[in-house]
Amino acid sequence: MGIGRKFTKTVITRPRKGGTAKNQRQRQHRERLIALGMDEAAVAKLNPKEVRDLLKYPAKLPAAQKS
């Protein structure tokens, strides 16, 4: 008797990150934008996708162009 498929199956889907980890990452991203010189009020109005897009190219941030 060999070992059947029951014991050799691997998990197909990866576990998803929880809400707490997601919120921590989003808060860190916002803090990074503020540290790069963006206005805190302007960062608060951005949605998470916009924040990620701005962090992809930090040299093109509006605050970075002033200096």
Protein backbone atom coordinates (compact mmCIF):
# COMPACT_ATOMS: atom_id res chain seq x y z
CA MET A 1 0.00 0.00 0.00
CA GLY A 2 1.26 3.41 -0.93
CA ILE A 3 0.50 6.76 0.54
CA GLY A 4 -2.68 8.08 -0.99
CA ARG A 5 -3.53 11.52 -2.31
CA LYS A 6 -5.07 12.43 1.02
CA PHE A 7 -1.64 12.85 2.59
CA THR A 8 0.17 14.50 -0.33
CA LYS A 9 -2.23 17.35 -1.09
CA THR A 10 -0.93 20.87 -0.62
CA VAL A 11 -2.88 23.94 0.32
CA ILE A 12 -3.94 25.64 -2.90
CA THR A 13 -4.93 29.08 -1.63
CA ARG A 14 -2.68 31.27 0.47
CA PRO A 15 -4.06 32.62 3.72
CA ARG A 16 -5.30 36.19 3.47
CA LYS A 17 -3.93 38.93 5.67
CA GLY A 18 -6.22 40.06 8.43
CA GLY A 19 -7.79 43.46 8.83
CA THR A 20 -5.37 44.55 11.55
CA ALA A 21 -2.31 43.99 9.37
CA LYS A 22 -3.97 45.83 6.49
CA ASN A 23 -4.82 48.83 8.67
CA GLN A 24 -1.26 48.95 10.03
CA ARG A 25 0.18 48.97 6.51
CA GLN A 26 -2.19 51.73 5.37
CA ARG A 27 -1.31 53.84 8.42
CA GLN A 28 2.41 53.35 7.74
CA HIS A 29 1.95 54.40 4.11
CA ARG A 30 0.18 57.58 5.18
CA GLU A 31 2.95 58.34 7.68
CA ARG A 32 5.54 57.87 4.92
CA LEU A 33 3.78 60.40 2.70
CA ILE A 34 3.69 62.92 5.54
CA ALA A 35 7.39 62.30 6.23
CA LEU A 36 8.11 62.96 2.55
CA GLY A 37 6.59 66.41 2.94
CA MET A 38 2.96 66.12 1.89
CA ASP A 39 0.34 68.05 3.81
CA GLU A 40 -1.38 65.95 6.47
CA ALA A 41 -4.83 67.22 5.48
CA ALA A 42 -4.20 66.31 1.84
CA VAL A 43 -3.05 62.81 2.80
CA ALA A 44 -6.18 62.29 4.91
CA LYS A 45 -8.37 62.89 1.84
CA LEU A 46 -6.63 60.21 -0.26
CA ASN A 47 -7.97 56.69 -0.62
CA PRO A 48 -5.61 53.72 -0.08
CA LYS A 49 -4.99 53.15 -3.80
CA GLU A 50 -3.99 56.78 -4.33
CA VAL A 51 -1.62 56.56 -1.37
CA ARG A 52 0.07 53.46 -2.82
CA ASP A 53 0.34 55.07 -6.25
CA LEU A 54 2.00 58.17 -4.79
CA LEU A 55 4.51 56.05 -2.88
CA LYS A 56 5.59 54.26 -6.05
CA TYR A 57 7.30 57.42 -7.32
CA PRO A 58 8.15 59.58 -4.29
CA ALA A 59 10.32 61.95 -6.36
CA LYS A 60 7.20 63.07 -8.23
CA LEU A 61 5.31 64.10 -5.09
CA PRO A 62 4.10 67.72 -5.11
CA ALA A 63 6.08 68.50 -1.96
CA ALA A 64 9.27 66.92 -3.35
CA GLN A 65 9.19 69.20 -6.40
CA LYS A 66 9.39 72.37 -4.29
CA SER A 67 12.86 71.61 -2.94
